Protein backbone atom coordinates (compact mmCIF):
# COMPACT_ATOMS: atom_id res chain seq x y z
CA MET A 1 -138.99 71.61 -25.91
CA THR A 2 -140.62 70.34 -28.51
CA THR A 3 -142.12 73.11 -30.92
CA LYS A 4 -145.07 74.97 -29.86
CA LYS A 5 -144.45 75.23 -26.46
CA PHE A 6 -144.77 78.29 -24.24
CA LEU A 7 -143.86 76.91 -20.59
CA LEU A 8 -139.87 77.82 -20.23
CA ALA A 9 -138.00 75.31 -18.12
CA THR A 10 -134.69 77.17 -18.61
CA THR A 11 -131.53 76.72 -16.57
CA LEU A 12 -131.32 74.54 -13.60
CA CYS A 13 -127.66 74.20 -12.23
CA ALA A 14 -126.79 72.91 -8.74
CA ALA A 15 -129.18 71.65 -5.85
CA VAL A 16 -129.37 74.48 -2.98
CA VAL A 17 -129.23 71.74 -0.31
CA LEU A 18 -126.92 68.87 -0.71
CA GLY A 19 -128.19 65.68 0.88
CA GLY A 20 -125.78 63.81 2.84
CA LEU A 21 -123.19 66.58 3.17
CA GLY A 22 -122.79 67.32 6.91
CA SER A 23 -119.78 67.12 7.82
CA GLY A 24 -118.34 69.40 10.21
CA ALA A 25 -117.72 73.36 9.02
CA ALA A 26 -114.44 75.10 9.17
CA ALA A 27 -113.12 78.24 8.15
CA PHE A 28 -110.66 76.96 5.76
CA ALA A 29 -109.96 73.40 6.89
CA ASP A 30 -106.69 71.74 5.43
CA GLU A 31 -107.22 69.56 2.21
CA PRO A 32 -104.26 67.59 0.89
CA SER A 33 -102.15 69.14 -1.75
CA GLY A 34 -102.77 66.63 -4.29
CA TRP A 35 -106.30 67.43 -4.51
CA HIS A 36 -108.11 68.07 -7.50
CA GLY A 37 -111.21 68.03 -9.59
CA GLY A 38 -112.40 64.60 -9.99
CA GLY A 39 -115.89 62.66 -9.87
CA GLY A 40 -118.62 62.34 -6.97
CA ALA A 41 -122.43 63.93 -7.72
CA VAL A 42 -123.93 66.61 -6.24
CA ASP A 43 -127.59 65.20 -6.19
CA ASP A 44 -130.92 66.89 -4.40
CA PRO A 45 -133.66 64.74 -6.02
CA SER A 46 -136.42 67.42 -4.05
CA THR A 47 -134.90 70.42 -6.57
CA GLY A 48 -136.06 68.34 -9.36
CA GLY A 49 -132.33 68.42 -10.88
CA GLY A 50 -131.56 66.58 -14.27
CA PRO A 51 -133.57 66.45 -17.71
CA LEU A 52 -137.29 67.38 -17.89
CA ASP A 53 -140.00 65.33 -19.22
CA ASP A 54 -141.22 66.51 -22.59
CA SER A 55 -144.41 67.10 -21.54
CA SER A 56 -146.83 70.10 -22.63
CA GLY A 57 -144.94 73.67 -22.49
CA LYS A 58 -141.39 72.34 -21.11
CA LEU A 59 -138.13 73.44 -22.61
CA VAL A 60 -135.45 71.06 -22.01
CA ILE A 61 -131.98 73.09 -22.99
CA TYR A 62 -129.34 70.38 -23.50
CA GLU A 63 -125.68 71.93 -22.23
CA PRO A 64 -123.13 71.10 -25.51
CA ALA A 65 -119.95 69.01 -24.11
CA PRO A 66 -116.89 70.90 -23.86
CA LYS A 67 -114.33 71.37 -26.02
CA ASP A 68 -112.21 68.64 -24.42
CA ALA A 69 -114.86 66.18 -24.73
CA THR A 70 -114.87 65.44 -21.12
CA PRO A 71 -118.14 64.95 -19.28
CA ARG A 72 -119.29 68.25 -17.64
CA PRO A 73 -120.38 67.73 -13.90
CA THR A 74 -123.62 69.74 -14.99
CA PRO A 75 -126.79 68.98 -15.61
CA PRO A 76 -127.75 67.49 -19.30
CA GLY A 77 -131.19 69.55 -18.80
CA PHE A 78 -132.16 72.54 -16.31
CA ARG A 79 -135.48 74.94 -15.63
CA LEU A 80 -134.87 78.29 -13.93
CA PRO A 81 -137.70 81.10 -13.19
CA LEU A 82 -136.95 84.19 -15.03
CA PRO A 83 -138.10 87.72 -15.29
CA GLY A 84 -140.95 87.64 -18.15
CA MET A 85 -142.25 84.49 -17.80
CA THR A 86 -145.78 83.85 -18.89
CA PRO A 87 -147.92 82.43 -15.89
CA ARG A 88 -147.84 78.59 -17.67
CA GLU A 89 -144.05 78.90 -18.03
CA ASP A 90 -143.67 80.24 -14.46
CA SER A 91 -145.93 77.50 -13.10
CA SER A 92 -143.62 75.12 -14.32
CA SER A 93 -140.30 76.28 -13.31
CA GLY A 94 -138.87 75.16 -10.23
CA ALA A 95 -136.15 75.80 -7.85
CA GLY A 96 -132.52 75.71 -9.36
CA GLY A 97 -131.10 72.12 -8.78
CA ALA A 98 -128.07 70.12 -10.44
CA ARG A 99 -126.85 66.50 -10.81
CA SER A 100 -122.91 66.16 -11.98
CA SER A 101 -121.60 63.10 -13.06
CA LYS A 102 -118.28 61.58 -12.56
CA GLY A 103 -115.29 63.21 -13.72
CA GLY A 104 -112.34 62.08 -15.00
CA ASP A 105 -109.12 61.29 -12.51
CA LYS A 106 -105.43 62.27 -14.40
CA SER A 107 -103.62 62.49 -10.88
CA THR A 108 -100.74 60.40 -10.96
CA GLY A 109 -99.37 61.61 -7.44
CA GLY A 110 -100.44 63.04 -4.55
CA ASP A 111 -103.13 62.14 -1.39
CA LYS A 112 -106.52 62.68 -2.50
CA SER A 113 -109.47 63.45 -0.43
CA SER A 114 -112.53 61.15 -0.62
CA PRO A 115 -115.64 62.13 -2.88
CA ASP A 116 -117.58 61.12 -0.26
CA GLU A 117 -116.36 63.17 2.60
CA PRO A 118 -117.61 66.80 1.09
CA THR A 119 -116.83 69.68 3.46
CA ASP A 120 -118.17 72.88 4.41
CA PHE A 121 -116.22 76.06 4.34
CA ILE A 122 -117.63 79.66 6.06
CA ASN A 123 -116.14 82.53 4.84
CA PRO A 124 -115.15 84.60 8.02
CA PHE A 125 -115.45 87.86 6.02
CA ALA A 126 -118.97 87.33 4.86
CA GLY A 127 -120.70 90.97 4.69
CA THR A 128 -117.62 92.73 4.55
CA LYS A 129 -116.98 94.25 1.44
CA GLY A 130 -113.42 93.21 0.26
CA ALA A 131 -111.19 94.86 -2.27
CA LYS A 132 -110.83 93.32 -5.54
CA THR A 133 -107.83 90.98 -5.23
CA PRO A 134 -106.59 88.26 -8.06
CA VAL A 135 -106.42 84.89 -6.65
CA THR A 136 -104.41 82.02 -8.58
CA LEU A 137 -105.09 78.19 -8.96
CA ASP A 138 -102.74 75.45 -10.04
CA VAL A 139 -104.27 73.31 -12.88
CA PHE A 140 -102.59 70.26 -14.10
CA ARG A 141 -100.60 70.37 -17.35
CA THR A 142 -102.49 68.21 -19.63
CA GLY A 143 -99.92 66.00 -21.82
CA SER A 144 -97.09 66.46 -19.14
CA SER A 145 -95.35 63.15 -18.27
CA VAL A 146 -94.90 64.09 -14.46
CA ASP A 147 -97.23 65.76 -12.34
CA THR A 148 -96.49 69.45 -13.32
CA PHE A 149 -99.28 72.21 -13.52
CA ASP A 150 -99.79 75.61 -14.71
CA ARG A 151 -100.70 78.72 -12.16
CA VAL A 152 -103.69 80.25 -13.17
CA THR A 153 -104.78 84.13 -12.52
CA LEU A 154 -108.36 84.82 -11.79
CA THR A 155 -109.36 88.50 -11.13
CA THR A 156 -113.48 88.19 -11.62
CA ALA A 157 -116.09 85.87 -11.02
CA LYS A 158 -116.17 85.19 -14.85
CA ASP A 159 -112.94 84.20 -14.57
CA LEU A 160 -114.24 80.93 -12.85
CA ALA A 161 -115.64 79.95 -15.96
CA LYS A 162 -111.98 79.23 -17.55
CA LEU A 163 -112.05 76.09 -15.16
CA ALA A 164 -115.64 75.37 -13.96
CA ALA A 165 -118.83 75.15 -15.50
CA VAL A 166 -120.18 78.16 -12.97
CA GLU A 167 -124.19 78.25 -12.80
CA PRO A 168 -126.54 80.35 -10.62
CA ILE A 169 -129.25 78.34 -8.08
CA THR A 170 -132.17 79.83 -7.82
CA GLY A 171 -135.04 79.01 -5.21
CA LYS A 172 -138.65 79.15 -5.97
CA MET A 173 -140.80 81.50 -3.56
CA GLY A 174 -144.45 80.81 -5.32
CA PRO A 175 -146.27 82.04 -8.15
CA GLY A 176 -144.38 85.12 -9.89
CA MET A 177 -141.67 84.82 -7.21
CA PHE A 178 -138.37 83.17 -7.05
CA VAL A 179 -134.97 84.04 -5.08
CA GLN A 180 -131.40 83.96 -5.97
CA THR A 181 -129.22 81.60 -3.55
CA GLY A 182 -126.11 81.32 -4.53
CA VAL A 183 -123.78 79.63 -7.11
CA SER A 184 -122.73 76.18 -7.94
CA ILE A 185 -118.98 75.77 -9.31
CA SER A 186 -118.41 72.65 -10.76
CA PHE A 187 -114.65 72.37 -11.92
CA THR A 188 -114.18 70.51 -15.12
CA SER A 189 -110.51 71.25 -15.18
CA ASP A 190 -107.76 69.18 -13.23
CA VAL A 191 -107.36 72.00 -10.47
CA MET A 192 -104.45 70.59 -7.91
CA SER A 193 -105.17 73.67 -5.42
CA SER A 194 -106.52 72.18 -2.02
CA ALA A 195 -110.38 72.58 -1.57
CA ALA A 196 -109.20 75.14 1.09
CA ASP A 197 -107.32 77.22 -1.35
CA ILE A 198 -110.24 76.86 -3.77
CA THR A 199 -112.78 77.86 -1.49
CA GLN A 200 -110.63 80.70 -0.37
CA ALA A 201 -110.26 82.06 -4.29
CA ILE A 202 -114.14 81.94 -4.32
CA PHE A 203 -114.76 84.00 -1.17
CA THR A 204 -112.08 86.50 -2.38
CA LEU A 205 -113.81 86.80 -5.59
CA SER A 206 -116.90 87.27 -4.37
CA ARG A 207 -115.51 90.37 -2.04
CA GLY A 208 -117.70 89.18 1.01
CA GLY A 209 -120.56 88.41 -1.16
CA ILE A 210 -120.66 84.59 -0.55
CA SER A 211 -121.04 83.42 3.30
CA SER A 212 -120.58 79.37 2.51
CA CYS A 213 -119.81 76.49 0.20
CA LYS A 214 -120.28 72.99 0.27
CA ARG A 215 -117.72 70.97 -1.50
CA SER A 216 -118.59 67.78 -2.62
CA ASP A 217 -115.40 66.50 -4.36
CA ALA A 218 -115.13 69.00 -7.83
CA THR A 219 -118.71 70.84 -6.92
CA PHE A 220 -119.09 74.00 -4.46
CA VAL A 221 -122.20 74.96 -4.06
CA CYS A 222 -121.71 78.36 -2.30
CA THR A 223 -124.75 80.53 -0.61
CA PHE A 224 -124.81 84.22 -0.93
CA THR A 225 -124.54 86.53 1.85
CA LYS A 226 -127.42 88.51 0.90
CA GLN A 227 -129.98 86.60 -1.09
CA ARG A 228 -132.06 88.43 -3.66
CA GLN A 229 -135.72 88.01 -4.02
CA SER A 230 -137.19 88.70 -7.32
CA ARG A 231 -140.59 88.64 -9.92
CA SER A 232 -140.70 85.98 -12.80
CA ARG A 233 -144.12 87.73 -14.14
CA PRO A 234 -144.57 91.37 -13.85
CA THR A 235 -148.00 91.42 -12.68
CA ILE A 236 -148.59 89.30 -9.75
CA ASP A 237 -150.26 89.89 -6.48
CA THR A 238 -148.02 90.87 -3.73
CA THR A 239 -150.07 92.05 -0.78
CA GLY A 240 -148.59 91.43 2.44
CA ILE A 241 -145.11 90.84 0.70
CA ALA A 242 -141.85 92.81 1.30
CA ASP A 243 -140.77 94.85 -1.60
CA PHE A 244 -138.19 93.17 -3.76
CA ALA A 245 -135.95 95.80 -4.69
CA PRO A 246 -132.64 95.87 -2.63
CA PRO A 247 -132.51 98.19 0.44
CA ALA A 248 -130.72 101.40 -0.46
CA GLY A 249 -126.97 101.14 0.51
CA ASP A 250 -126.96 97.23 0.68
CA GLU A 251 -126.09 96.53 -3.16
CA GLN A 252 -123.94 93.44 -4.05
CA PRO A 253 -120.30 93.55 -4.16
CA VAL A 254 -120.19 91.24 -7.15
CA PRO A 255 -123.37 92.36 -9.50
CA LEU A 256 -126.02 89.80 -9.14
CA CYS A 257 -128.20 90.18 -12.16
CA THR A 258 -131.90 87.90 -12.78
CA GLY A 259 -131.93 87.58 -16.22
CA GLN A 260 -134.97 87.83 -18.60
CA ALA A 261 -137.30 85.80 -20.77
CA ARG A 262 -137.90 87.63 -23.72
CA ASP A 263 -140.08 87.20 -26.98
CA GLY A 264 -138.59 87.31 -30.06
CA GLY A 265 -138.78 85.76 -33.66
CA PHE A 266 -138.18 85.48 -37.44
CA GLY A 267 -138.30 89.19 -39.04
CA ILE A 268 -137.19 91.19 -35.96
CA ALA A 269 -134.42 91.95 -33.55
CA THR A 270 -134.43 90.79 -30.39
CA ILE A 271 -132.36 93.31 -28.01
CA ILE A 272 -131.58 92.68 -24.42
CA SER A 273 -129.65 95.42 -22.58
CA VAL A 274 -128.18 95.62 -19.19
CA ALA A 275 -130.99 97.52 -18.09
CA ASP A 276 -133.41 94.26 -19.06
CA VAL A 277 -131.61 91.88 -16.78
CA SER A 278 -132.12 93.81 -13.62
CA CYS A 279 -128.84 93.89 -11.54
CA ASP A 280 -128.16 94.57 -8.19
CA ALA A 281 -124.57 95.85 -7.69
CA SER A 282 -122.63 98.73 -5.68
CA ALA A 283 -122.09 101.68 -7.60
CA ASP A 284 -118.24 101.01 -8.42
CA VAL A 285 -119.37 97.94 -10.33
CA ALA A 286 -122.46 98.89 -11.84
CA PRO A 287 -122.84 96.98 -14.63
CA VAL A 288 -122.45 98.59 -18.06
CA GLY A 289 -122.70 96.14 -20.53
CA LEU A 290 -123.28 92.16 -21.29
CA GLU A 291 -121.20 89.41 -22.16
CA ILE A 292 -122.13 85.91 -23.61
CA GLY A 293 -120.88 82.98 -22.07
CA HIS A 294 -122.14 79.57 -23.65
CA LEU A 295 -125.14 78.95 -26.09
CA TYR A 296 -127.50 76.17 -24.38
CA THR A 297 -129.28 75.42 -27.71
CA ASP A 298 -128.85 74.05 -31.07
CA PRO A 299 -126.58 76.99 -33.31
CA ALA A 300 -129.01 76.26 -36.02
CA LEU A 301 -131.93 78.45 -34.01
CA GLY A 302 -129.50 81.40 -34.31
CA ILE A 303 -126.72 82.62 -32.21
CA PRO A 304 -127.04 85.60 -29.92
CA THR A 305 -124.36 88.22 -30.17
CA VAL A 306 -123.01 91.13 -28.14
CA ARG A 307 -123.27 94.83 -29.81
CA PRO A 308 -120.58 97.29 -29.75
CA GLY A 309 -121.09 100.30 -27.99
CA ASP A 310 -123.98 99.52 -25.10
CA GLY A 311 -123.14 96.16 -24.47
CA SER A 312 -126.53 94.65 -25.41
CA ILE A 313 -127.47 91.30 -26.59
CA VAL A 314 -128.94 91.11 -30.01
CA TYR A 315 -130.39 88.18 -31.75
CA ASP A 316 -132.07 87.55 -35.17
CA ALA A 317 -134.05 84.32 -35.55
CA PRO A 318 -133.91 82.50 -38.69
CA GLN A 319 -137.24 81.17 -39.49
CA SER A 320 -136.92 77.86 -38.24
CA ALA A 321 -136.59 78.97 -34.70
CA GLN A 322 -139.98 79.90 -34.45
CA GLY A 323 -141.89 77.98 -31.85
CA GLN A 324 -138.44 77.36 -30.39
CA TYR A 325 -136.53 78.55 -26.97
CA VAL A 326 -133.12 79.95 -27.72
CA THR A 327 -131.28 80.21 -24.31
CA VAL A 328 -127.47 81.58 -23.36
CA GLN A 329 -125.86 81.73 -20.53
CA ALA A 330 -124.60 85.48 -19.57
CA TRP A 331 -122.53 87.84 -17.52
CA ALA A 332 -122.96 91.74 -16.89
CA VAL A 333 -119.67 93.82 -17.04
CA ALA A 334 -118.77 96.62 -15.22
CA ALA A 335 -116.58 99.97 -16.54
CA ASP A 336 -113.50 98.44 -14.62
CA GLY A 337 -113.93 94.71 -16.08
CA THR A 338 -115.75 93.58 -13.09
CA THR A 339 -118.44 90.71 -13.90
CA SER A 340 -121.36 89.49 -12.19
CA TRP A 341 -122.21 86.03 -11.46
CA PRO A 342 -123.65 84.15 -14.36
CA PHE A 343 -127.12 84.37 -15.14
CA TYR A 344 -129.71 83.44 -18.09
CA VAL A 345 -131.28 85.05 -20.66
CA ALA A 346 -134.09 83.00 -22.66
CA ILE A 347 -135.95 84.18 -26.13
CA ARG A 348 -139.29 82.59 -26.75
CA ASN A 349 -139.33 82.37 -30.52
CA ARG A 350 -143.24 83.32 -31.30
CA TYR A 351 -145.18 81.96 -34.42
CA ALA A 352 -145.36 84.40 -37.38
CA PRO A 353 -149.13 84.72 -38.17
CA GLU A 354 -149.87 82.76 -41.41
CA ALA A 355 -152.11 83.53 -44.37
CA LYS A 356 -155.09 80.88 -44.80
CA PRO A 357 -155.48 79.91 -48.59
CA GLN A 358 -158.25 81.95 -49.94
CA THR A 359 -161.21 81.23 -52.47
CA THR A 360 -162.90 84.06 -54.20
CA ILE A 361 -165.14 86.42 -52.01
CA GLU A 362 -168.65 87.18 -53.28
CA ALA A 363 -170.04 90.62 -52.82
CA VAL A 364 -173.00 92.16 -53.40
CA ARG A 365 -172.97 95.99 -55.43
CA GLY A 366 -172.96 98.83 -52.68
CA VAL A 367 -173.34 96.40 -49.96
CA ASP A 368 -170.78 95.92 -46.79
CA THR A 369 -169.61 92.43 -46.94
CA VAL A 370 -167.89 90.93 -44.16
CA ILE A 371 -164.73 88.32 -44.20
CA PRO A 372 -164.39 87.13 -40.64
CA ALA A 373 -160.94 87.36 -39.21
CA SER A 374 -160.53 83.94 -38.41
CA SER A 375 -160.73 83.01 -42.19
CA LEU A 376 -158.03 85.63 -43.01
CA PHE A 377 -154.70 84.74 -40.59
CA SER A 378 -153.74 82.08 -37.95
CA ASP A 379 -151.25 82.29 -35.65
CA GLU A 380 -150.42 79.17 -33.45
CA ASP A 381 -149.49 81.43 -30.48
CA VAL A 382 -152.77 82.61 -30.28
CA ASP A 383 -154.89 79.34 -31.44
CA LEU A 384 -152.80 77.34 -28.69
CA TYR A 385 -152.58 79.61 -25.98
CA GLY A 386 -155.05 82.51 -26.33
CA VAL A 387 -154.93 85.21 -23.92
CA GLU A 388 -152.39 83.92 -21.92
CA SER A 389 -150.26 84.12 -24.80
CA GLY A 390 -149.94 87.73 -24.47
CA ASP A 391 -150.29 87.60 -28.47
CA HIS A 392 -152.68 89.23 -30.71
CA LEU A 393 -153.11 90.15 -34.36
CA THR A 394 -153.53 93.63 -35.90
CA SER A 395 -154.51 93.69 -39.72
CA THR A 396 -154.12 96.37 -42.09
CA VAL A 397 -155.21 97.08 -45.59
CA THR A 398 -151.87 97.51 -48.22
CA SER A 399 -153.62 97.73 -51.39
CA ASN A 400 -157.33 98.76 -51.37
CA ALA A 401 -159.85 98.22 -53.86
CA ALA A 402 -159.88 99.97 -57.21
CA GLU A 403 -163.93 100.39 -57.03
CA GLY A 404 -164.70 100.49 -53.54
CA GLY A 405 -162.71 100.62 -49.87
CA ALA A 406 -162.00 97.94 -47.60
CA TRP A 407 -161.07 97.99 -44.02
CA PHE A 408 -160.86 95.99 -40.75
CA ASP A 409 -162.95 96.75 -37.72
CA GLY A 410 -162.09 96.53 -33.88
CA ALA A 411 -162.40 92.50 -33.83
CA GLY A 412 -160.14 92.07 -36.85
CA ASN A 413 -162.88 91.39 -39.56
CA LEU A 414 -162.46 92.45 -42.79
CA HIS A 415 -165.39 94.78 -44.23
CA PHE A 416 -165.54 95.37 -48.42
CA GLN A 417 -168.00 97.65 -50.22
CA SER A 418 -167.92 98.36 -53.58
CA ILE A 419 -169.27 102.01 -55.36
CA ASP A 420 -172.62 102.09 -55.47
CA VAL A 421 -172.96 102.31 -59.24
CA ILE A 422 -170.79 99.12 -60.79
CA HIS A 423 -172.76 97.66 -64.53
CA GLY A 424 -172.55 94.36 -64.60
CA ASP A 425 -170.39 92.07 -62.60
CA TYR A 426 -167.00 93.32 -61.41
CA THR A 427 -163.54 91.60 -60.09
CA ASP A 428 -161.72 93.61 -57.48
CA HIS A 429 -158.52 92.95 -55.53
CA VAL A 430 -157.44 93.89 -52.01
CA THR A 431 -154.22 93.16 -50.29
CA VAL A 432 -153.88 92.49 -46.64
CA LYS A 433 -151.40 91.55 -43.65
CA ALA A 434 -151.20 90.99 -40.04
CA VAL A 435 -148.94 92.16 -37.49
CA ASP A 436 -148.66 90.09 -34.13
CA ALA A 437 -148.25 91.59 -30.74
CA PHE A 438 -144.40 91.03 -31.00
CA GLY A 439 -144.26 92.93 -34.34
CA LEU A 440 -143.86 89.59 -36.49
CA PRO A 441 -145.52 90.15 -39.77
CA SER A 442 -147.69 87.67 -41.84
CA PRO A 443 -147.18 87.31 -45.55
CA ASP A 444 -149.15 89.80 -47.87
CA LEU A 445 -152.73 88.18 -48.33
CA THR A 446 -154.22 89.10 -51.73
CA LEU A 447 -158.04 88.55 -51.97
CA THR A 448 -159.92 88.38 -55.49
CA VAL A 449 -163.36 89.87 -54.78
CA HIS A 450 -166.37 89.13 -57.29
CA VAL A 451 -168.75 91.79 -57.04
CA SER A 452 -172.60 91.42 -58.57
CA ASP A 453 -176.12 92.86 -57.86
CA LEU A 454 -178.52 90.75 -56.30
CA MET A 455 -180.18 87.99 -57.45
CA PRO A 456 -183.53 87.78 -58.41
CA GLY A 457 -186.20 85.52 -57.23
CA CYS A 458 -188.64 83.59 -59.67
CA ALA A 459 -192.00 81.75 -59.40
CA THR A 460 -192.25 78.44 -61.01
CA SER A 461 -195.46 78.76 -62.19
CA GLY A 462 -197.86 77.94 -65.08
CA THR A 463 -201.19 78.08 -67.23
CA THR A 464 -204.05 75.79 -68.82
CA THR A 465 -205.05 76.11 -72.40
CA ASP A 466 -206.78 73.56 -75.15
CA THR A 467 -204.84 72.93 -77.98
CA VAL A 468 -206.97 75.69 -80.24
CA THR A 469 -206.89 78.49 -77.56
CA PRO A 470 -203.57 80.99 -77.64
CA VAL A 471 -203.10 81.84 -73.83
CA ARG A 472 -201.34 84.72 -72.00
CA ILE A 473 -198.23 84.19 -69.87
CA GLU A 474 -196.95 86.26 -67.45
CA LEU A 475 -193.42 85.69 -65.66
CA ARG A 476 -193.02 86.40 -62.07
CA CYS A 477 -189.71 87.24 -60.84
CA TRP A 478 -188.72 89.89 -58.09
CA ILE A 479 -185.70 91.50 -55.88
CA ALA A 480 -185.57 91.12 -52.27
CA PRO A 481 -183.73 94.56 -51.39
CA VAL A 482 -180.85 94.35 -48.66
CA ALA A 483 -179.22 97.28 -46.39
CA GLY A 484 -177.06 99.29 -48.17
CA TRP A 485 -178.26 98.41 -51.91
CA ARG A 486 -179.93 100.67 -54.12
CA GLN A 487 -181.33 99.46 -57.36
CA ILE A 488 -180.24 101.27 -60.63
CA ALA A 489 -182.17 99.00 -63.30
CA GLY A 490 -185.21 97.09 -63.32
CA LEU A 491 -185.41 93.76 -63.80
CA ASP A 492 -185.01 92.20 -68.12
CA TYR A 493 -186.85 89.22 -69.23
CA SER A 494 -185.68 87.09 -72.20
CA ILE A 495 -186.31 83.48 -73.40
CA VAL A 496 -183.91 81.00 -72.57
CA GLU A 497 -185.48 77.77 -74.48
CA ALA A 498 -188.53 78.27 -76.62
CA PRO A 499 -191.52 75.02 -75.92
CA ALA A 500 -191.16 72.23 -77.93
CA PHE A 501 -194.71 72.51 -79.65
CA GLY A 502 -196.51 75.84 -80.53
CA THR A 503 -195.15 79.05 -81.28
CA LEU A 504 -194.14 81.97 -78.52
CA SER A 505 -194.59 85.24 -79.40
CA ALA A 506 -191.95 88.19 -78.41
CA ILE A 507 -191.48 88.77 -74.42
CA ASP A 508 -191.57 92.13 -73.43
CA PRO A 509 -188.41 92.68 -71.34
CA VAL A 510 -190.16 94.78 -69.09
CA SER A 511 -193.14 93.05 -68.10
CA GLY A 512 -192.19 89.95 -68.42
CA THR A 513 -195.53 88.94 -70.94
CA ALA A 514 -195.74 87.02 -74.25
CA THR A 515 -198.14 84.81 -76.01
CA TYR A 516 -198.35 81.05 -76.40
CA THR A 517 -200.48 79.65 -79.61
CA PRO A 518 -200.37 75.68 -78.65
CA ASP A 519 -200.06 73.21 -81.71
CA PRO A 520 -203.32 71.61 -82.24
CA ALA A 521 -201.48 68.29 -82.98
CA HIS A 522 -199.98 68.22 -79.45
CA ALA A 523 -202.07 68.04 -76.21
CA GLY A 524 -200.11 68.08 -73.14
CA PRO A 525 -197.82 69.79 -70.66
CA VAL A 526 -195.45 72.35 -72.69
CA SER A 527 -192.32 73.96 -70.91
CA LEU A 528 -190.05 77.11 -72.28
CA THR A 529 -187.36 78.22 -69.90
CA PHE A 530 -186.61 82.15 -69.15
CA ARG A 531 -184.56 84.39 -67.61
CA ALA A 532 -184.69 87.43 -65.06
CA ASP A 533 -181.67 89.67 -65.15
CA ASN A 534 -180.55 92.20 -62.52
CA ASN A 535 -177.55 94.00 -63.86
CA GLY A 536 -175.65 91.01 -64.60
CA ALA A 537 -177.20 89.00 -61.76
CA SER A 538 -179.46 86.54 -63.49
CA ARG A 539 -181.76 83.55 -62.44
CA ASP A 540 -183.36 80.98 -64.73
CA ALA A 541 -186.75 79.66 -64.20
CA ALA A 542 -189.35 77.42 -65.75
CA PHE A 543 -192.99 78.29 -66.94
CA THR A 544 -195.27 75.18 -67.84
CA VAL A 545 -198.32 75.37 -69.85
CA ASN A 546 -200.85 72.62 -69.46
CA VAL A 547 -202.30 72.01 -73.07
CA THR A 548 -205.76 70.34 -73.17
CA SER A 549 -207.35 68.80 -76.23
CA ALA A 550 -210.02 71.16 -77.58
CA PRO A 551 -213.66 70.08 -76.82
């Protein structure tokens, strides 16, 4: 994924149907003893295997190269439905599929089966719960001068990951629904056991839970005896659809877990327990904890770990991870050490709310002033995806005003109201913060509020006289009240700039009246500037006297 996307495309593995693998079925067809993991490809274009295009909302997960630097026969990008998806994520996920690349060939002797002639293998004991039985496979000893091998013992499904990339296969049934059909096992080590012996080992480890496998060179695509239907979205219309819970007494002999898509982000710990990944298992192998296989995403985005005690996966996101997905392969583990088939845990790191730049807020004394929610905080989850993101902001006042109060309404708008009696201008401060639906907090935002009284309105007026006749002037200003406002003092008039000619008596500060005496030698308009003040909120206006020549 590039950032800011919510359409989850998590982990795609091997194809459910392998085109062109139609050789005859056999219980355990003999293979040359020298058969080993080699090349070949498993490719079903109908499943959409391979890397996803970087279109809106799709997450591309790049699998790291194995430690020995040999190519993994697993795809460079995957997608898979998971419980906990958003509708947009679910609509972009598809059936699990895979592409495998040609592997190396280190065999120095022995016959090899043709990679172009895959074989079907059928488990005659499918559905019959077998005993927990270890199996052994022969693996080429790296660096030896002759064909020598080591015998590797496997006791659980997870042990297959020592020799192979084991990936779940999931088919999409429709909006909000998927079915777990099987697993793909692509051997990355030089396994020298025959294909029949390998398949026998897979069947034995599955304890009857796998009914058949299709083999193409080093890749085995195996089908579960009891396929499991699950939901990828918690709220869908299931009218006419059978219950997704497994029938009583029909549990999996090797645990089968759905995995989980979960929200996370910087500043909170994301915890995923064994109960969250919805495992179907018989009572004797009921999982009690989780283990992490490998990480599919950049370690710089944070590395999930397993918590001692309850075996939960814990992830703490760095700030740089916001807007990114983190995906791991995981396994559930029973008390006796039995492991599940692999599944995936995806964590979508949400964006934390951000405080918007602010200017001083102007408020009127005693009046409820509303600051819109949109001017305080932003959150890319909400801004980009709205209701679908499942995100919303809850804002709180963390430090209130000294001379008044502030509070948030249900729509997230901030209200500020000063006390009723404040003389003159006053500057107050309010600190607020927001927390989103996932518990991610914004930084503290401190607002500066300038409290003043109502600004008077004034008429720009004038009068007329001649050069020898004094005239009374009357300045006219007023206050237009608003809801919640109460006057605590009347208007106060003063002269800001006297007229250039003539003389002006002292002005009455309450009535705004004065007497102007013209200059007999000067006819023409004469102006003065006055000020009307309402408890520190003042307005300047002009008054003009038109002086005419005396008769």
